[in-house]
PDB file of N, CA and C in Angstrom:
ATOM      1  N   MET A   1     155.735 125.163 -88.706  1.00  0.00           N
ATOM      2  CA  MET A   1     156.946 124.929 -87.943  1.00  0.00           C
ATOM      3  C   MET A   1     157.008 125.867 -86.731  1.00  0.00           C
ATOM      4  N   ASP A   2     156.662 127.146 -86.957  1.00  0.00           N
ATOM      5  CA  ASP A   2     156.705 128.110 -85.864  1.00  0.00           C
ATOM      6  C   ASP A   2     155.717 127.745 -84.768  1.00  0.00           C
ATOM      7  N   GLU A   3     154.539 127.231 -85.172  1.00  0.00           N
ATOM      8  CA  GLU A   3     153.538 126.830 -84.173  1.00  0.00           C
ATOM      9  C   GLU A   3     154.077 125.721 -83.285  1.00  0.00           C
ATOM     10  N   LEU A   4     154.794 124.779 -83.877  1.00  0.00           N
ATOM     11  CA  LEU A   4     155.359 123.672 -83.122  1.00  0.00           C
ATOM     12  C   LEU A   4     156.364 124.185 -82.092  1.00  0.00           C
ATOM     13  N   ILE A   5     157.208 125.094 -82.496  1.00  0.00           N
ATOM     14  CA  ILE A   5     158.202 125.651 -81.576  1.00  0.00           C
ATOM     15  C   ILE A   5     157.515 126.425 -80.462  1.00  0.00           C
ATOM     16  N   ILE A   6     156.525 127.228 -80.805  1.00  0.00           N
ATOM     17  CA  ILE A   6     155.801 128.006 -79.795  1.00  0.00           C
ATOM     18  C   ILE A   6     155.085 127.073 -78.833  1.00  0.00           C
ATOM     19  N   HIS A   7     154.459 126.026 -79.343  1.00  0.00           N
ATOM     20  CA  HIS A   7     153.724 125.097 -78.480  1.00  0.00           C
ATOM     21  C   HIS A   7     154.668 124.340 -77.547  1.00  0.00           C
ATOM     22  N   GLN A   8     155.856 123.993 -78.025  1.00  0.00           N
ATOM     23  CA  GLN A   8     156.802 123.262 -77.193  1.00  0.00           C
ATOM     24  C   GLN A   8     157.266 124.090 -76.006  1.00  0.00           C
ATOM     25  N   PHE A   9     157.397 125.379 -76.182  1.00  0.00           N
ATOM     26  CA  PHE A   9     157.908 126.238 -75.124  1.00  0.00           C
ATOM     27  C   PHE A   9     156.813 127.050 -74.444  1.00  0.00           C
ATOM     28  N   SER A  10     155.555 126.722 -74.689  1.00  0.00           N
ATOM     29  CA  SER A  10     154.466 127.500 -74.095  1.00  0.00           C
ATOM     30  C   SER A  10     154.372 127.291 -72.588  1.00  0.00           C
ATOM     31  N   PHE A  11     154.920 126.190 -72.069  1.00  0.00           N
ATOM     32  CA  PHE A  11     154.873 125.962 -70.626  1.00  0.00           C
ATOM     33  C   PHE A  11     155.685 127.007 -69.870  1.00  0.00           C
ATOM     34  N   ILE A  12     156.620 127.643 -70.539  1.00  0.00           N
ATOM     35  CA  ILE A  12     157.446 128.661 -69.897  1.00  0.00           C
ATOM     36  C   ILE A  12     156.608 129.892 -69.571  1.00  0.00           C
ATOM     37  N   TYR A  13     155.631 130.182 -70.401  1.00  0.00           N
ATOM     38  CA  TYR A  13     154.837 131.395 -70.262  1.00  0.00           C
ATOM     39  C   TYR A  13     153.499 131.112 -69.597  1.00  0.00           C
ATOM     40  N   MET A  14     153.515 130.458 -68.460  1.00  0.00           N
ATOM     41  CA  MET A  14     152.293 130.175 -67.719  1.00  0.00           C
ATOM     42  C   MET A  14     151.745 131.487 -67.168  1.00  0.00           C
ATOM     43  N   LYS A  15     150.422 131.602 -67.169  1.00  0.00           N
ATOM     44  CA  LYS A  15     149.807 132.823 -66.662  1.00  0.00           C
ATOM     45  C   LYS A  15     150.118 132.989 -65.181  1.00  0.00           C
ATOM     46  N   LYS A  16     150.195 134.250 -64.767  1.00  0.00           N
ATOM     47  CA  LYS A  16     150.545 134.559 -63.381  1.00  0.00           C
ATOM     48  C   LYS A  16     149.573 133.934 -62.394  1.00  0.00           C
ATOM     49  N   ARG A  17     148.271 133.947 -62.705  1.00  0.00           N
ATOM     50  CA  ARG A  17     147.308 133.419 -61.733  1.00  0.00           C
ATOM     51  C   ARG A  17     147.478 131.919 -61.538  1.00  0.00           C
ATOM     52  N   HIS A  18     147.872 131.203 -62.603  1.00  0.00           N
ATOM     53  CA  HIS A  18     148.120 129.766 -62.460  1.00  0.00           C
ATOM     54  C   HIS A  18     149.394 129.525 -61.655  1.00  0.00           C
ATOM     55  N   GLU A  19     150.402 130.347 -61.886  1.00  0.00           N
ATOM     56  CA  GLU A  19     151.623 130.236 -61.085  1.00  0.00           C
ATOM     57  C   GLU A  19     151.318 130.499 -59.618  1.00  0.00           C
ATOM     58  N   GLN A  20     150.486 131.508 -59.370  1.00  0.00           N
ATOM     59  CA  GLN A  20     150.132 131.848 -57.995  1.00  0.00           C
ATOM     60  C   GLN A  20     149.372 130.709 -57.325  1.00  0.00           C
ATOM     61  N   LYS A  21     148.486 130.055 -58.072  1.00  0.00           N
ATOM     62  CA  LYS A  21     147.741 128.921 -57.512  1.00  0.00           C
ATOM     63  C   LYS A  21     148.680 127.782 -57.138  1.00  0.00           C
ATOM     64  N   LEU A  22     149.668 127.522 -57.982  1.00  0.00           N
ATOM     65  CA  LEU A  22     150.619 126.454 -57.686  1.00  0.00           C
ATOM     66  C   LEU A  22     151.518 126.816 -56.508  1.00  0.00           C
ATOM     67  N   ILE A  23     151.853 128.083 -56.379  1.00  0.00           N
ATOM     68  CA  ILE A  23     152.654 128.522 -55.229  1.00  0.00           C
ATOM     69  C   ILE A  23     151.850 128.383 -53.945  1.00  0.00           C
ATOM     70  N   ILE A  24     150.573 128.781 -53.992  1.00  0.00           N
ATOM     71  CA  ILE A  24     149.706 128.635 -52.815  1.00  0.00           C
ATOM     72  C   ILE A  24     149.552 127.163 -52.455  1.00  0.00           C
ATOM     73  N   LEU A  25     149.414 126.301 -53.465  1.00  0.00           N
ATOM     74  CA  LEU A  25     149.323 124.862 -53.209  1.00  0.00           C
ATOM     75  C   LEU A  25     150.603 124.360 -52.539  1.00  0.00           C
ATOM     76  N   SER A  26     151.752 124.806 -53.005  1.00  0.00           N
ATOM     77  CA  SER A  26     153.028 124.381 -52.412  1.00  0.00           C
ATOM     78  C   SER A  26     153.150 124.826 -50.961  1.00  0.00           C
ATOM     79  N   ILE A  27     152.758 126.063 -50.692  1.00  0.00           N
ATOM     80  CA  ILE A  27     152.811 126.563 -49.311  1.00  0.00           C
ATOM     81  C   ILE A  27     151.843 125.781 -48.431  1.00  0.00           C
ATOM     82  N   GLY A  28     150.650 125.510 -48.966  1.00  0.00           N
ATOM     83  CA  GLY A  28     149.678 124.716 -48.215  1.00  0.00           C
ATOM     84  C   GLY A  28     150.193 123.322 -47.906  1.00  0.00           C
ATOM     85  N   LEU A  29     150.879 122.717 -48.864  1.00  0.00           N
ATOM     86  CA  LEU A  29     151.448 121.385 -48.636  1.00  0.00           C
ATOM     87  C   LEU A  29     152.552 121.422 -47.590  1.00  0.00           C
ATOM     88  N   MET A  30     153.363 122.472 -47.616  1.00  0.00           N
ATOM     89  CA  MET A  30     154.403 122.595 -46.588  1.00  0.00           C
ATOM     90  C   MET A  30     153.772 122.674 -45.205  1.00  0.00           C
ATOM     91  N   ILE A  31     152.672 123.403 -45.109  1.00  0.00           N
ATOM     92  CA  ILE A  31     151.985 123.518 -43.818  1.00  0.00           C
ATOM     93  C   ILE A  31     151.348 122.191 -43.426  1.00  0.00           C
ATOM     94  N   MET A  32     150.685 121.536 -44.373  1.00  0.00           N
ATOM     95  CA  MET A  32     149.991 120.280 -44.067  1.00  0.00           C
ATOM     96  C   MET A  32     150.963 119.156 -43.687  1.00  0.00           C
ATOM     97  N   PHE A  33     152.172 119.175 -44.265  1.00  0.00           N
ATOM     98  CA  PHE A  33     153.154 118.138 -43.954  1.00  0.00           C
ATOM     99  C   PHE A  33     154.109 118.539 -42.829  1.00  0.00           C
ATOM    100  N   SER A  34     153.903 119.719 -42.247  1.00  0.00           N
ATOM    101  CA  SER A  34     154.770 120.138 -41.144  1.00  0.00           C
ATOM    102  C   SER A  34     154.537 119.231 -39.933  1.00  0.00           C
ATOM    103  N   ILE A  35     155.528 119.157 -39.091  1.00  0.00           N
ATOM    104  CA  ILE A  35     155.484 118.254 -37.937  1.00  0.00           C
ATOM    105  C   ILE A  35     154.300 118.532 -37.006  1.00  0.00           C
ATOM    106  N   PRO A  36     154.024 119.784 -36.623  1.00  0.00           N
ATOM    107  CA  PRO A  36     152.906 119.993 -35.686  1.00  0.00           C
ATOM    108  C   PRO A  36     151.554 119.534 -36.235  1.00  0.00           C
ATOM    109  N   ILE A  37     151.311 119.788 -37.519  1.00  0.00           N
ATOM    110  CA  ILE A  37     150.032 119.370 -38.106  1.00  0.00           C
ATOM    111  C   ILE A  37     150.010 117.852 -38.276  1.00  0.00           C
ATOM    112  N   SER A  38     151.100 117.276 -38.739  1.00  0.00           N
ATOM    113  CA  SER A  38     151.149 115.824 -38.934  1.00  0.00           C
ATOM    114  C   SER A  38     150.983 115.066 -37.620  1.00  0.00           C
ATOM    115  N   LEU A  39     151.517 115.609 -36.542  1.00  0.00           N
ATOM    116  CA  LEU A  39     151.411 114.928 -35.247  1.00  0.00           C
ATOM    117  C   LEU A  39     149.979 114.891 -34.718  1.00  0.00           C
ATOM    118  N   LEU A  40     149.111 115.752 -35.245  1.00  0.00           N
ATOM    119  CA  LEU A  40     147.698 115.691 -34.858  1.00  0.00           C
ATOM    120  C   LEU A  40     147.070 114.356 -35.264  1.00  0.00           C
ATOM    121  N   PHE A  41     147.615 113.736 -36.312  1.00  0.00           N
ATOM    122  CA  PHE A  41     147.073 112.481 -36.821  1.00  0.00           C
ATOM    123  C   PHE A  41     147.890 111.270 -36.379  1.00  0.00           C
ATOM    124  N   ASN A  42     148.828 111.468 -35.479  1.00  0.00           N
ATOM    125  CA  ASN A  42     149.650 110.378 -34.974  1.00  0.00           C
ATOM    126  C   ASN A  42     148.939 109.732 -33.778  1.00  0.00           C
ATOM    127  N   SER A  43     148.045 108.817 -34.085  1.00  0.00           N
ATOM    128  CA  SER A  43     147.291 108.158 -33.019  1.00  0.00           C
ATOM    129  C   SER A  43     147.218 106.660 -33.305  1.00  0.00           C
ATOM    130  N   GLU A  44     146.684 105.946 -32.358  1.00  0.00           N
ATOM    131  CA  GLU A  44     146.557 104.494 -32.498  1.00  0.00           C
ATOM    132  C   GLU A  44     145.340 104.100 -33.335  1.00  0.00           C
ATOM    133  N   ASP A  45     144.499 105.070 -33.686  1.00  0.00           N
ATOM    134  CA  ASP A  45     143.314 104.768 -34.494  1.00  0.00           C
ATOM    135  C   ASP A  45     143.729 104.240 -35.858  1.00  0.00           C
ATOM    136  N   LYS A  46     142.878 103.386 -36.404  1.00  0.00           N
ATOM    137  CA  LYS A  46     143.158 102.813 -37.719  1.00  0.00           C
ATOM    138  C   LYS A  46     141.963 103.045 -38.633  1.00  0.00           C
ATOM    139  N   VAL A  47     142.256 103.246 -39.911  1.00  0.00           N
ATOM    140  CA  VAL A  47     141.238 103.390 -40.939  1.00  0.00           C
ATOM    141  C   VAL A  47     141.453 102.259 -41.928  1.00  0.00           C
ATOM    142  N   LEU A  48     140.504 101.348 -41.982  1.00  0.00           N
ATOM    143  CA  LEU A  48     140.611 100.161 -42.837  1.00  0.00           C
ATOM    144  C   LEU A  48     141.897  99.381 -42.561  1.00  0.00           C
ATOM    145  N   GLY A  49     142.338  99.399 -41.331  1.00  0.00           N
ATOM    146  CA  GLY A  49     143.517  98.645 -40.925  1.00  0.00           C
ATOM    147  C   GLY A  49     144.831  99.389 -41.080  1.00  0.00           C
ATOM    148  N   TYR A  50     144.790 100.622 -41.605  1.00  0.00           N
ATOM    149  CA  TYR A  50     146.003 101.416 -41.790  1.00  0.00           C
ATOM    150  C   TYR A  50     146.083 102.488 -40.708  1.00  0.00           C
ATOM    151  N   PRO A  51     147.277 102.793 -40.233  1.00  0.00           N
ATOM    152  CA  PRO A  51     147.421 103.840 -39.214  1.00  0.00           C
ATOM    153  C   PRO A  51     146.929 105.193 -39.747  1.00  0.00           C
ATOM    154  N   MET A  52     146.390 105.995 -38.840  1.00  0.00           N
ATOM    155  CA  MET A  52     145.821 107.288 -39.205  1.00  0.00           C
ATOM    156  C   MET A  52     146.851 108.197 -39.879  1.00  0.00           C
ATOM    157  N   MET A  53     148.100 108.160 -39.428  1.00  0.00           N
ATOM    158  CA  MET A  53     149.153 108.999 -40.012  1.00  0.00           C
ATOM    159  C   MET A  53     149.365 108.658 -41.486  1.00  0.00           C
ATOM    160  N   LEU A  54     149.402 107.377 -41.803  1.00  0.00           N
ATOM    161  CA  LEU A  54     149.597 106.939 -43.178  1.00  0.00           C
ATOM    162  C   LEU A  54     148.428 107.371 -44.056  1.00  0.00           C
ATOM    163  N   VAL A  55     147.213 107.220 -43.562  1.00  0.00           N
ATOM    164  CA  VAL A  55     146.022 107.628 -44.311  1.00  0.00           C
ATOM    165  C   VAL A  55     146.059 109.133 -44.563  1.00  0.00           C
ATOM    166  N   TYR A  56     146.411 109.911 -43.550  1.00  0.00           N
ATOM    167  CA  TYR A  56     146.499 111.374 -43.684  1.00  0.00           C
ATOM    168  C   TYR A  56     147.500 111.759 -44.767  1.00  0.00           C
ATOM    169  N   ILE A  57     148.681 111.165 -44.732  1.00  0.00           N
ATOM    170  CA  ILE A  57     149.723 111.503 -45.705  1.00  0.00           C
ATOM    171  C   ILE A  57     149.277 111.169 -47.120  1.00  0.00           C
ATOM    172  N   PHE A  58     148.680 110.000 -47.321  1.00  0.00           N
ATOM    173  CA  PHE A  58     148.259 109.616 -48.661  1.00  0.00           C
ATOM    174  C   PHE A  58     147.075 110.435 -49.158  1.00  0.00           C
ATOM    175  N   ILE A  59     146.154 110.806 -48.286  1.00  0.00           N
ATOM    176  CA  ILE A  59     145.023 111.637 -48.716  1.00  0.00           C
ATOM    177  C   ILE A  59     145.515 113.018 -49.151  1.00  0.00           C
ATOM    178  N   ILE A  60     146.407 113.618 -48.375  1.00  0.00           N
ATOM    179  CA  ILE A  60     146.955 114.927 -48.739  1.00  0.00           C
ATOM    180  C   ILE A  60     147.756 114.824 -50.037  1.00  0.00           C
ATOM    181  N   TRP A  61     148.524 113.772 -50.170  1.00  0.00           N
ATOM    182  CA  TRP A  61     149.342 113.572 -51.370  1.00  0.00           C
ATOM    183  C   TRP A  61     148.464 113.430 -52.617  1.00  0.00           C
ATOM    184  N   ILE A  62     147.437 112.583 -52.557  1.00  0.00           N
ATOM    185  CA  ILE A  62     146.550 112.375 -53.701  1.00  0.00           C
ATOM    186  C   ILE A  62     145.774 113.652 -54.013  1.00  0.00           C
ATOM    187  N   ALA A  63     145.308 114.351 -52.985  1.00  0.00           N
ATOM    188  CA  ALA A  63     144.583 115.609 -53.204  1.00  0.00           C
ATOM    189  C   ALA A  63     145.481 116.634 -53.895  1.00  0.00           C
ATOM    190  N   SER A  64     146.747 116.692 -53.511  1.00  0.00           N
ATOM    191  CA  SER A  64     147.657 117.656 -54.136  1.00  0.00           C
ATOM    192  C   SER A  64     147.904 117.318 -55.606  1.00  0.00           C
ATOM    193  N   ILE A  65     147.982 116.050 -55.927  1.00  0.00           N
ATOM    194  CA  ILE A  65     148.159 115.642 -57.325  1.00  0.00           C
ATOM    195  C   ILE A  65     146.939 116.034 -58.145  1.00  0.00           C
ATOM    196  N   ILE A  66     145.753 115.787 -57.615  1.00  0.00           N
ATOM    197  CA  ILE A  66     144.522 116.117 -58.333  1.00  0.00           C
ATOM    198  C   ILE A  66     144.397 117.628 -58.520  1.00  0.00           C
ATOM    199  N   ILE A  67     144.660 118.397 -57.475  1.00  0.00           N
ATOM    200  CA  ILE A  67     144.569 119.857 -57.573  1.00  0.00           C
ATOM    201  C   ILE A  67     145.592 120.397 -58.567  1.00  0.00           C
ATOM    202  N   SER A  68     146.808 119.882 -58.541  1.00  0.00           N
ATOM    203  CA  SER A  68     147.841 120.308 -59.496  1.00  0.00           C
ATOM    204  C   SER A  68     147.419 119.986 -60.923  1.00  0.00           C
ATOM    205  N   PHE A  69     146.854 118.813 -61.122  1.00  0.00           N
ATOM    206  CA  PHE A  69     146.398 118.404 -62.449  1.00  0.00           C
ATOM    207  C   PHE A  69     145.323 119.353 -62.958  1.00  0.00           C
ATOM    208  N   VAL A  70     144.369 119.694 -62.100  1.00  0.00           N
ATOM    209  CA  VAL A  70     143.285 120.594 -62.506  1.00  0.00           C
ATOM    210  C   VAL A  70     143.840 121.972 -62.869  1.00  0.00           C
ATOM    211  N   ILE A  71     144.755 122.489 -62.080  1.00  0.00           N
ATOM    212  CA  ILE A  71     145.337 123.810 -62.356  1.00  0.00           C
ATOM    213  C   ILE A  71     146.100 123.795 -63.676  1.00  0.00           C
ATOM    214  N   VAL A  72     146.930 122.793 -63.885  1.00  0.00           N
ATOM    215  CA  VAL A  72     147.728 122.721 -65.110  1.00  0.00           C
ATOM    216  C   VAL A  72     146.838 122.443 -66.316  1.00  0.00           C
ATOM    217  N   LYS A  73     145.804 121.642 -66.150  1.00  0.00           N
ATOM    218  CA  LYS A  73     144.887 121.337 -67.251  1.00  0.00           C
ATOM    219  C   LYS A  73     144.142 122.598 -67.685  1.00  0.00           C
ATOM    220  N   LYS A  74     143.720 123.429 -66.734  1.00  0.00           N
ATOM    221  CA  LYS A  74     143.056 124.687 -67.088  1.00  0.00           C
ATOM    222  C   LYS A  74     144.011 125.597 -67.846  1.00  0.00           C
ATOM    223  N   TYR A  75     145.276 125.573 -67.497  1.00  0.00           N
ATOM    224  CA  TYR A  75     146.269 126.387 -68.199  1.00  0.00           C
ATOM    225  C   TYR A  75     146.435 125.905 -69.630  1.00  0.00           C
ATOM    226  N   ASP A  76     146.368 124.608 -69.834  1.00  0.00           N
ATOM    227  CA  ASP A  76     146.618 124.017 -71.145  1.00  0.00           C
ATOM    228  C   ASP A  76     145.516 124.348 -72.141  1.00  0.00           C
ATOM    229  N   GLU A  77     144.329 124.700 -71.656  1.00  0.00           N
ATOM    230  CA  GLU A  77     143.200 124.962 -72.567  1.00  0.00           C
ATOM    231  C   GLU A  77     143.331 126.245 -73.311  1.00  0.00           C
TER     232      GLU A  77
END
């Protein structure tokens, strides 16, 4: 019973280095989605028929999900 309770609340006690990685990821995302950086990809060019801005946003978004998953998965082990 005690193991179940400890396991349920183990997410609260994430290691500092994993927290730091997630904070760095959040700061990086704020920078990548900031207006000056995003405007670099605001062009008439298209990738597979999609505007460059849309492709940029989705690539950054998917990359952030994958990186977050890897960080949290390493913590779970």
